[in-house]
PDB file of N, CA and C in Angstrom:
ATOM      1  N   UNK A   1       3.302 -15.052   6.653  1.00  0.00           N
ATOM      2  CA  UNK A   1       4.092 -14.081   7.377  1.00  0.00           C
ATOM      3  C   UNK A   1       3.204 -12.915   7.710  1.00  0.00           C
ATOM      4  N   UNK A   2       2.824 -12.803   8.957  1.00  0.00           N
ATOM      5  CA  UNK A   2       1.929 -11.721   9.430  1.00  0.00           C
ATOM      6  C   UNK A   2       2.772 -10.444   9.678  1.00  0.00           C
ATOM      7  N   UNK A   3       2.222  -9.333   9.459  1.00  0.00           N
ATOM      8  CA  UNK A   3       2.901  -8.066   9.650  1.00  0.00           C
ATOM      9  C   UNK A   3       2.478  -7.532  11.023  1.00  0.00           C
ATOM     10  N   UNK A   4       3.493  -7.147  11.856  1.00  0.00           N
ATOM     11  CA  UNK A   4       3.162  -6.592  13.205  1.00  0.00           C
ATOM     12  C   UNK A   4       2.557  -5.213  13.015  1.00  0.00           C
ATOM     13  N   UNK A   5       1.647  -4.859  13.960  1.00  0.00           N
ATOM     14  CA  UNK A   5       0.965  -3.515  13.814  1.00  0.00           C
ATOM     15  C   UNK A   5       1.931  -2.343  13.771  1.00  0.00           C
ATOM     16  N   UNK A   6       3.000  -2.430  14.545  1.00  0.00           N
ATOM     17  CA  UNK A   6       3.936  -1.290  14.606  1.00  0.00           C
ATOM     18  C   UNK A   6       4.672  -1.079  13.277  1.00  0.00           C
ATOM     19  N   UNK A   7       4.774  -2.154  12.499  1.00  0.00           N
ATOM     20  CA  UNK A   7       5.491  -2.080  11.238  1.00  0.00           C
ATOM     21  C   UNK A   7       4.601  -1.711  10.079  1.00  0.00           C
ATOM     22  N   UNK A   8       3.277  -1.749  10.268  1.00  0.00           N
ATOM     23  CA  UNK A   8       2.308  -1.552   9.170  1.00  0.00           C
ATOM     24  C   UNK A   8       2.511  -0.224   8.459  1.00  0.00           C
ATOM     25  N   UNK A   9       2.732   0.856   9.239  1.00  0.00           N
ATOM     26  CA  UNK A   9       2.880   2.168   8.603  1.00  0.00           C
ATOM     27  C   UNK A   9       4.044   2.187   7.638  1.00  0.00           C
ATOM     28  N   UNK A  10       5.157   1.644   8.012  1.00  0.00           N
ATOM     29  CA  UNK A  10       6.335   1.608   7.133  1.00  0.00           C
ATOM     30  C   UNK A  10       6.068   0.664   5.926  1.00  0.00           C
ATOM     31  N   UNK A  11       5.349  -0.404   6.160  1.00  0.00           N
ATOM     32  CA  UNK A  11       5.131  -1.367   5.058  1.00  0.00           C
ATOM     33  C   UNK A  11       4.178  -0.750   4.015  1.00  0.00           C
ATOM     34  N   UNK A  12       3.146  -0.021   4.457  1.00  0.00           N
ATOM     35  CA  UNK A  12       2.248   0.648   3.511  1.00  0.00           C
ATOM     36  C   UNK A  12       3.048   1.712   2.758  1.00  0.00           C
ATOM     37  N   UNK A  13       3.983   2.394   3.450  1.00  0.00           N
ATOM     38  CA  UNK A  13       4.837   3.346   2.765  1.00  0.00           C
ATOM     39  C   UNK A  13       5.705   2.696   1.696  1.00  0.00           C
ATOM     40  N   UNK A  14       6.171   1.535   1.927  1.00  0.00           N
ATOM     41  CA  UNK A  14       6.961   0.798   0.902  1.00  0.00           C
ATOM     42  C   UNK A  14       6.130   0.503  -0.320  1.00  0.00           C
ATOM     43  N   UNK A  15       4.856   0.079  -0.070  1.00  0.00           N
ATOM     44  CA  UNK A  15       3.959  -0.209  -1.210  1.00  0.00           C
ATOM     45  C   UNK A  15       3.636   1.073  -1.987  1.00  0.00           C
ATOM     46  N   UNK A  16       3.464   2.190  -1.225  1.00  0.00           N
ATOM     47  CA  UNK A  16       3.195   3.499  -1.906  1.00  0.00           C
ATOM     48  C   UNK A  16       4.360   3.931  -2.726  1.00  0.00           C
ATOM     49  N   UNK A  17       5.552   3.802  -2.222  1.00  0.00           N
ATOM     50  CA  UNK A  17       6.756   4.174  -3.028  1.00  0.00           C
ATOM     51  C   UNK A  17       6.946   3.342  -4.245  1.00  0.00           C
ATOM     52  N   UNK A  18       6.643   2.056  -4.126  1.00  0.00           N
ATOM     53  CA  UNK A  18       6.747   1.187  -5.275  1.00  0.00           C
ATOM     54  C   UNK A  18       5.711   1.524  -6.348  1.00  0.00           C
ATOM     55  N   UNK A  19       4.545   1.848  -5.951  1.00  0.00           N
ATOM     56  CA  UNK A  19       3.515   2.202  -6.905  1.00  0.00           C
ATOM     57  C   UNK A  19       3.837   3.491  -7.603  1.00  0.00           C
ATOM     58  N   UNK A  20       4.504   4.415  -6.911  1.00  0.00           N
ATOM     59  CA  UNK A  20       4.836   5.712  -7.535  1.00  0.00           C
ATOM     60  C   UNK A  20       5.846   5.512  -8.690  1.00  0.00           C
ATOM     61  N   UNK A  21       6.576   4.412  -8.671  1.00  0.00           N
ATOM     62  CA  UNK A  21       7.540   4.167  -9.721  1.00  0.00           C
ATOM     63  C   UNK A  21       6.931   3.413 -10.903  1.00  0.00           C
ATOM     64  N   UNK A  22       5.696   3.074 -10.830  1.00  0.00           N
ATOM     65  CA  UNK A  22       5.038   2.309 -11.940  1.00  0.00           C
ATOM     66  C   UNK A  22       4.698   3.291 -13.075  1.00  0.00           C
ATOM     67  N   UNK A  23       4.557   2.777 -14.263  1.00  0.00           N
ATOM     68  CA  UNK A  23       4.088   3.534 -15.414  1.00  0.00           C
ATOM     69  C   UNK A  23       2.582   3.495 -15.421  1.00  0.00           C
ATOM     70  N   UNK A  24       1.968   4.668 -15.335  1.00  0.00           N
ATOM     71  CA  UNK A  24       0.554   4.831 -15.269  1.00  0.00           C
ATOM     72  C   UNK A  24       0.067   5.796 -16.326  1.00  0.00           C
ATOM     73  N   UNK A  25      -1.180   5.768 -16.684  1.00  0.00           N
ATOM     74  CA  UNK A  25      -1.720   6.678 -17.644  1.00  0.00           C
ATOM     75  C   UNK A  25      -1.591   8.123 -17.097  1.00  0.00           C
ATOM     76  N   UNK A  26      -1.303   9.085 -17.978  1.00  0.00           N
ATOM     77  CA  UNK A  26      -1.249  10.482 -17.531  1.00  0.00           C
ATOM     78  C   UNK A  26      -2.559  10.993 -17.037  1.00  0.00           C
ATOM     79  N   UNK A  27      -2.521  11.657 -15.867  1.00  0.00           N
ATOM     80  CA  UNK A  27      -3.731  12.318 -15.312  1.00  0.00           C
ATOM     81  C   UNK A  27      -4.714  11.443 -14.727  1.00  0.00           C
ATOM     82  N   UNK A  28      -4.475  10.136 -14.576  1.00  0.00           N
ATOM     83  CA  UNK A  28      -5.437   9.241 -13.988  1.00  0.00           C
ATOM     84  C   UNK A  28      -5.395   9.279 -12.439  1.00  0.00           C
ATOM     85  N   UNK A  29      -6.526   8.861 -11.807  1.00  0.00           N
ATOM     86  CA  UNK A  29      -6.537   8.922 -10.381  1.00  0.00           C
ATOM     87  C   UNK A  29      -5.491   8.072  -9.688  1.00  0.00           C
ATOM     88  N   UNK A  30      -5.232   6.893 -10.310  1.00  0.00           N
ATOM     89  CA  UNK A  30      -4.192   5.977  -9.748  1.00  0.00           C
ATOM     90  C   UNK A  30      -2.874   6.612  -9.626  1.00  0.00           C
ATOM     91  N   UNK A  31      -2.489   7.449 -10.664  1.00  0.00           N
ATOM     92  CA  UNK A  31      -1.181   8.092 -10.684  1.00  0.00           C
ATOM     93  C   UNK A  31      -1.147   9.180  -9.616  1.00  0.00           C
ATOM     94  N   UNK A  32      -2.145  10.019  -9.553  1.00  0.00           N
ATOM     95  CA  UNK A  32      -2.201  11.077  -8.520  1.00  0.00           C
ATOM     96  C   UNK A  32      -2.188  10.570  -7.146  1.00  0.00           C
ATOM     97  N   UNK A  33      -2.971   9.505  -6.895  1.00  0.00           N
ATOM     98  CA  UNK A  33      -3.066   8.922  -5.565  1.00  0.00           C
ATOM     99  C   UNK A  33      -1.714   8.304  -5.159  1.00  0.00           C
ATOM    100  N   UNK A  34      -1.158   7.487  -6.037  1.00  0.00           N
ATOM    101  CA  UNK A  34       0.059   6.777  -5.664  1.00  0.00           C
ATOM    102  C   UNK A  34       1.216   7.745  -5.419  1.00  0.00           C
ATOM    103  N   UNK A  35       1.251   8.848  -6.220  1.00  0.00           N
ATOM    104  CA  UNK A  35       2.313   9.848  -5.990  1.00  0.00           C
ATOM    105  C   UNK A  35       2.097  10.596  -4.693  1.00  0.00           C
ATOM    106  N   UNK A  36       0.851  10.924  -4.399  1.00  0.00           N
ATOM    107  CA  UNK A  36       0.565  11.646  -3.133  1.00  0.00           C
ATOM    108  C   UNK A  36       0.889  10.770  -1.957  1.00  0.00           C
ATOM    109  N   UNK A  37       0.509   9.498  -1.982  1.00  0.00           N
ATOM    110  CA  UNK A  37       0.850   8.618  -0.848  1.00  0.00           C
ATOM    111  C   UNK A  37       2.330   8.401  -0.694  1.00  0.00           C
ATOM    112  N   UNK A  38       3.025   8.276  -1.844  1.00  0.00           N
ATOM    113  CA  UNK A  38       4.487   8.166  -1.788  1.00  0.00           C
ATOM    114  C   UNK A  38       5.141   9.413  -1.227  1.00  0.00           C
ATOM    115  N   UNK A  39       4.673  10.569  -1.565  1.00  0.00           N
ATOM    116  CA  UNK A  39       5.248  11.808  -1.013  1.00  0.00           C
ATOM    117  C   UNK A  39       4.957  11.899   0.490  1.00  0.00           C
ATOM    118  N   UNK A  40       3.843  11.471   0.941  1.00  0.00           N
ATOM    119  CA  UNK A  40       3.513  11.499   2.340  1.00  0.00           C
ATOM    120  C   UNK A  40       4.428  10.502   3.103  1.00  0.00           C
ATOM    121  N   UNK A  41       4.601   9.288   2.525  1.00  0.00           N
ATOM    122  CA  UNK A  41       5.488   8.315   3.103  1.00  0.00           C
ATOM    123  C   UNK A  41       6.927   8.736   3.215  1.00  0.00           C
ATOM    124  N   UNK A  42       7.366   9.541   2.233  1.00  0.00           N
ATOM    125  CA  UNK A  42       8.710  10.103   2.275  1.00  0.00           C
ATOM    126  C   UNK A  42       8.924  11.145   3.275  1.00  0.00           C
ATOM    127  N   UNK A  43       7.920  11.987   3.465  1.00  0.00           N
ATOM    128  CA  UNK A  43       8.019  13.157   4.368  1.00  0.00           C
ATOM    129  C   UNK A  43       7.844  12.676   5.859  1.00  0.00           C
ATOM    130  N   UNK A  44       6.882  11.796   6.034  1.00  0.00           N
ATOM    131  CA  UNK A  44       6.576  11.300   7.406  1.00  0.00           C
ATOM    132  C   UNK A  44       6.393   9.770   7.369  1.00  0.00           C
ATOM    133  N   UNK A  45       7.464   9.013   7.616  1.00  0.00           N
ATOM    134  CA  UNK A  45       7.322   7.527   7.562  1.00  0.00           C
ATOM    135  C   UNK A  45       6.339   6.955   8.568  1.00  0.00           C
ATOM    136  N   UNK A  46       6.032   7.678   9.595  1.00  0.00           N
ATOM    137  CA  UNK A  46       5.071   7.234  10.588  1.00  0.00           C
ATOM    138  C   UNK A  46       3.682   7.635  10.391  1.00  0.00           C
ATOM    139  N   UNK A  47       3.369   8.113   9.184  1.00  0.00           N
ATOM    140  CA  UNK A  47       2.041   8.613   8.824  1.00  0.00           C
ATOM    141  C   UNK A  47       1.032   7.529   8.984  1.00  0.00           C
ATOM    142  N   UNK A  48      -0.044   7.821   9.738  1.00  0.00           N
ATOM    143  CA  UNK A  48      -1.100   6.762   9.902  1.00  0.00           C
ATOM    144  C   UNK A  48      -2.067   6.803   8.730  1.00  0.00           C
ATOM    145  N   UNK A  49      -1.823   5.987   7.735  1.00  0.00           N
ATOM    146  CA  UNK A  49      -2.756   5.929   6.596  1.00  0.00           C
ATOM    147  C   UNK A  49      -4.136   5.516   7.106  1.00  0.00           C
ATOM    148  N   UNK A  50      -5.145   6.090   6.541  1.00  0.00           N
ATOM    149  CA  UNK A  50      -6.569   5.748   6.874  1.00  0.00           C
ATOM    150  C   UNK A  50      -6.872   4.365   6.314  1.00  0.00           C
ATOM    151  N   UNK A  51      -7.955   3.788   6.797  1.00  0.00           N
ATOM    152  CA  UNK A  51      -8.336   2.449   6.314  1.00  0.00           C
ATOM    153  C   UNK A  51      -8.640   2.471   4.854  1.00  0.00           C
ATOM    154  N   UNK A  52      -9.229   3.553   4.385  1.00  0.00           N
ATOM    155  CA  UNK A  52      -9.562   3.658   2.968  1.00  0.00           C
ATOM    156  C   UNK A  52      -8.299   3.854   2.105  1.00  0.00           C
ATOM    157  N   UNK A  53      -7.328   4.579   2.613  1.00  0.00           N
ATOM    158  CA  UNK A  53      -6.057   4.764   1.869  1.00  0.00           C
ATOM    159  C   UNK A  53      -5.328   3.405   1.818  1.00  0.00           C
ATOM    160  N   UNK A  54      -5.308   2.693   2.900  1.00  0.00           N
ATOM    161  CA  UNK A  54      -4.617   1.381   2.919  1.00  0.00           C
ATOM    162  C   UNK A  54      -5.311   0.448   1.917  1.00  0.00           C
ATOM    163  N   UNK A  55      -6.642   0.444   1.887  1.00  0.00           N
ATOM    164  CA  UNK A  55      -7.362  -0.463   0.958  1.00  0.00           C
ATOM    165  C   UNK A  55      -7.087  -0.050  -0.483  1.00  0.00           C
ATOM    166  N   UNK A  56      -7.003   1.229  -0.754  1.00  0.00           N
ATOM    167  CA  UNK A  56      -6.710   1.673  -2.090  1.00  0.00           C
ATOM    168  C   UNK A  56      -5.278   1.326  -2.547  1.00  0.00           C
ATOM    169  N   UNK A  57      -4.360   1.441  -1.607  1.00  0.00           N
ATOM    170  CA  UNK A  57      -2.959   1.027  -1.919  1.00  0.00           C
ATOM    171  C   UNK A  57      -2.902  -0.430  -2.252  1.00  0.00           C
ATOM    172  N   UNK A  58      -3.584  -1.287  -1.565  1.00  0.00           N
ATOM    173  CA  UNK A  58      -3.522  -2.733  -1.766  1.00  0.00           C
ATOM    174  C   UNK A  58      -4.263  -3.054  -3.082  1.00  0.00           C
ATOM    175  N   UNK A  59      -5.375  -2.333  -3.370  1.00  0.00           N
ATOM    176  CA  UNK A  59      -6.014  -2.530  -4.656  1.00  0.00           C
ATOM    177  C   UNK A  59      -5.153  -2.174  -5.838  1.00  0.00           C
ATOM    178  N   UNK A  60      -4.425  -1.066  -5.723  1.00  0.00           N
ATOM    179  CA  UNK A  60      -3.533  -0.645  -6.800  1.00  0.00           C
ATOM    180  C   UNK A  60      -2.341  -1.561  -6.914  1.00  0.00           C
ATOM    181  N   UNK A  61      -1.838  -2.119  -5.795  1.00  0.00           N
ATOM    182  CA  UNK A  61      -0.737  -3.034  -5.855  1.00  0.00           C
ATOM    183  C   UNK A  61      -1.199  -4.316  -6.601  1.00  0.00           C
ATOM    184  N   UNK A  62      -2.405  -4.712  -6.444  1.00  0.00           N
ATOM    185  CA  UNK A  62      -2.939  -5.811  -7.203  1.00  0.00           C
ATOM    186  C   UNK A  62      -3.091  -5.463  -8.692  1.00  0.00           C
ATOM    187  N   UNK A  63      -3.618  -4.322  -8.954  1.00  0.00           N
ATOM    188  CA  UNK A  63      -3.869  -3.862 -10.283  1.00  0.00           C
ATOM    189  C   UNK A  63      -2.561  -3.781 -11.114  1.00  0.00           C
ATOM    190  N   UNK A  64      -1.531  -3.251 -10.500  1.00  0.00           N
ATOM    191  CA  UNK A  64      -0.266  -3.000 -11.192  1.00  0.00           C
ATOM    192  C   UNK A  64       0.840  -4.018 -10.806  1.00  0.00           C
ATOM    193  N   UNK A  65       0.363  -5.225 -10.381  1.00  0.00           N
ATOM    194  CA  UNK A  65       1.328  -6.197  -9.934  1.00  0.00           C
ATOM    195  C   UNK A  65       2.395  -6.662 -10.923  1.00  0.00           C
ATOM    196  N   UNK A  66       2.092  -6.521 -12.179  1.00  0.00           N
ATOM    197  CA  UNK A  66       3.078  -6.891 -13.175  1.00  0.00           C
ATOM    198  C   UNK A  66       4.237  -5.895 -13.269  1.00  0.00           C
ATOM    199  N   UNK A  67       4.082  -4.727 -12.741  1.00  0.00           N
ATOM    200  CA  UNK A  67       5.155  -3.729 -12.772  1.00  0.00           C
ATOM    201  C   UNK A  67       5.924  -3.688 -11.399  1.00  0.00           C
ATOM    202  N   UNK A  68       5.411  -4.394 -10.420  1.00  0.00           N
ATOM    203  CA  UNK A  68       6.029  -4.359  -9.108  1.00  0.00           C
ATOM    204  C   UNK A  68       7.005  -5.578  -8.884  1.00  0.00           C
ATOM    205  N   UNK A  69       7.913  -5.381  -7.975  1.00  0.00           N
ATOM    206  CA  UNK A  69       8.811  -6.434  -7.596  1.00  0.00           C
ATOM    207  C   UNK A  69       8.027  -7.498  -6.802  1.00  0.00           C
ATOM    208  N   UNK A  70       8.508  -8.697  -6.888  1.00  0.00           N
ATOM    209  CA  UNK A  70       7.802  -9.801  -6.179  1.00  0.00           C
ATOM    210  C   UNK A  70       7.707  -9.566  -4.685  1.00  0.00           C
ATOM    211  N   UNK A  71       8.731  -8.976  -4.083  1.00  0.00           N
ATOM    212  CA  UNK A  71       8.683  -8.757  -2.634  1.00  0.00           C
ATOM    213  C   UNK A  71       7.557  -7.785  -2.248  1.00  0.00           C
ATOM    214  N   UNK A  72       7.264  -6.776  -3.102  1.00  0.00           N
ATOM    215  CA  UNK A  72       6.227  -5.851  -2.817  1.00  0.00           C
ATOM    216  C   UNK A  72       4.859  -6.506  -2.983  1.00  0.00           C
ATOM    217  N   UNK A  73       4.743  -7.371  -3.986  1.00  0.00           N
ATOM    218  CA  UNK A  73       3.461  -8.109  -4.172  1.00  0.00           C
ATOM    219  C   UNK A  73       3.175  -8.980  -2.943  1.00  0.00           C
ATOM    220  N   UNK A  74       4.219  -9.714  -2.481  1.00  0.00           N
ATOM    221  CA  UNK A  74       4.030 -10.608  -1.314  1.00  0.00           C
ATOM    222  C   UNK A  74       3.705  -9.769  -0.065  1.00  0.00           C
ATOM    223  N   UNK A  75       4.388  -8.635   0.017  1.00  0.00           N
ATOM    224  CA  UNK A  75       4.042  -7.738   1.156  1.00  0.00           C
ATOM    225  C   UNK A  75       2.638  -7.226   1.135  1.00  0.00           C
ATOM    226  N   UNK A  76       2.147  -6.829  -0.042  1.00  0.00           N
ATOM    227  CA  UNK A  76       0.778  -6.384  -0.203  1.00  0.00           C
ATOM    228  C   UNK A  76      -0.200  -7.484   0.128  1.00  0.00           C
ATOM    229  N   UNK A  77       0.069  -8.730  -0.251  1.00  0.00           N
ATOM    230  CA  UNK A  77      -0.768  -9.871   0.034  1.00  0.00           C
ATOM    231  C   UNK A  77      -0.839 -10.094   1.520  1.00  0.00           C
ATOM    232  N   UNK A  78       0.354 -10.026   2.192  1.00  0.00           N
ATOM    233  CA  UNK A  78       0.418 -10.185   3.642  1.00  0.00           C
ATOM    234  C   UNK A  78      -0.430  -9.094   4.371  1.00  0.00           C
ATOM    235  N   UNK A  79      -0.275  -7.853   3.891  1.00  0.00           N
ATOM    236  CA  UNK A  79      -1.025  -6.774   4.474  1.00  0.00           C
ATOM    237  C   UNK A  79      -2.510  -6.945   4.267  1.00  0.00           C
ATOM    238  N   UNK A  80      -2.952  -7.446   3.092  1.00  0.00           N
ATOM    239  CA  UNK A  80      -4.378  -7.698   2.844  1.00  0.00           C
ATOM    240  C   UNK A  80      -4.882  -8.768   3.765  1.00  0.00           C
ATOM    241  N   UNK A  81      -4.114  -9.831   3.963  1.00  0.00           N
ATOM    242  CA  UNK A  81      -4.518 -10.935   4.897  1.00  0.00           C
ATOM    243  C   UNK A  81      -4.621 -10.417   6.281  1.00  0.00           C
ATOM    244  N   UNK A  82      -3.682  -9.572   6.718  1.00  0.00           N
ATOM    245  CA  UNK A  82      -3.708  -9.052   8.063  1.00  0.00           C
ATOM    246  C   UNK A  82      -4.917  -8.153   8.290  1.00  0.00           C
ATOM    247  N   UNK A  83      -5.237  -7.336   7.269  1.00  0.00           N
ATOM    248  CA  UNK A  83      -6.449  -6.458   7.339  1.00  0.00           C
ATOM    249  C   UNK A  83      -7.696  -7.271   7.413  1.00  0.00           C
ATOM    250  N   UNK A  84      -7.768  -8.371   6.629  1.00  0.00           N
ATOM    251  CA  UNK A  84      -8.972  -9.216   6.613  1.00  0.00           C
ATOM    252  C   UNK A  84      -9.115  -9.930   7.980  1.00  0.00           C
ATOM    253  N   UNK A  85      -7.986 -10.291   8.567  1.00  0.00           N
ATOM    254  CA  UNK A  85      -8.012 -10.980   9.868  1.00  0.00           C
ATOM    255  C   UNK A  85      -8.512  -9.989  10.958  1.00  0.00           C
ATOM    256  N   UNK A  86      -8.031  -8.740  10.901  1.00  0.00           N
ATOM    257  CA  UNK A  86      -8.450  -7.825  11.941  1.00  0.00           C
ATOM    258  C   UNK A  86      -9.953  -7.453  11.776  1.00  0.00           C
ATOM    259  N   UNK A  87     -10.418  -7.440  10.497  1.00  0.00           N
ATOM    260  CA  UNK A  87     -11.863  -7.190  10.262  1.00  0.00           C
ATOM    261  C   UNK A  87     -12.711  -8.311  10.836  1.00  0.00           C
ATOM    262  N   UNK A  88     -12.211  -9.550  10.703  1.00  0.00           N
ATOM    263  CA  UNK A  88     -12.940 -10.695  11.213  1.00  0.00           C
ATOM    264  C   UNK A  88     -13.006 -10.720  12.719  1.00  0.00           C
ATOM    265  N   UNK A  89     -11.898 -10.374  13.369  1.00  0.00           N
ATOM    266  CA  UNK A  89     -11.812 -10.387  14.805  1.00  0.00           C
ATOM    267  C   UNK A  89     -12.649  -9.285  15.474  1.00  0.00           C
ATOM    268  N   UNK A  90     -12.787  -8.170  14.753  1.00  0.00           N
ATOM    269  CA  UNK A  90     -13.555  -7.052  15.361  1.00  0.00           C
ATOM    270  C   UNK A  90     -14.993  -7.159  15.062  1.00  0.00           C
ATOM    271  N   UNK A  91     -15.375  -8.006  14.145  1.00  0.00           N
ATOM    272  CA  UNK A  91     -16.837  -8.172  13.837  1.00  0.00           C
ATOM    273  C   UNK A  91     -17.482  -9.110  14.842  1.00  0.00           C
TER     274      UNK A  91
END
């Protein structure tokens, strides 16, 4: 299931909100980053996450996959596949 480009912003926002609900170590970078991205997604759902922010969200979704719902894990995998496909086509 490929994600359409117009829906990517909202989909990355869903991943960010799900990560913000995970139990993370106090004061770690993962916790600060996921909460910041979740706050941005709540304030402005159309926020254009940078490529590095998107990659970090997907990395964290994989890292904390045991705490996330299955639908979020599948969504993150689809987003990672779409990102890899766009990198291949632009190279």
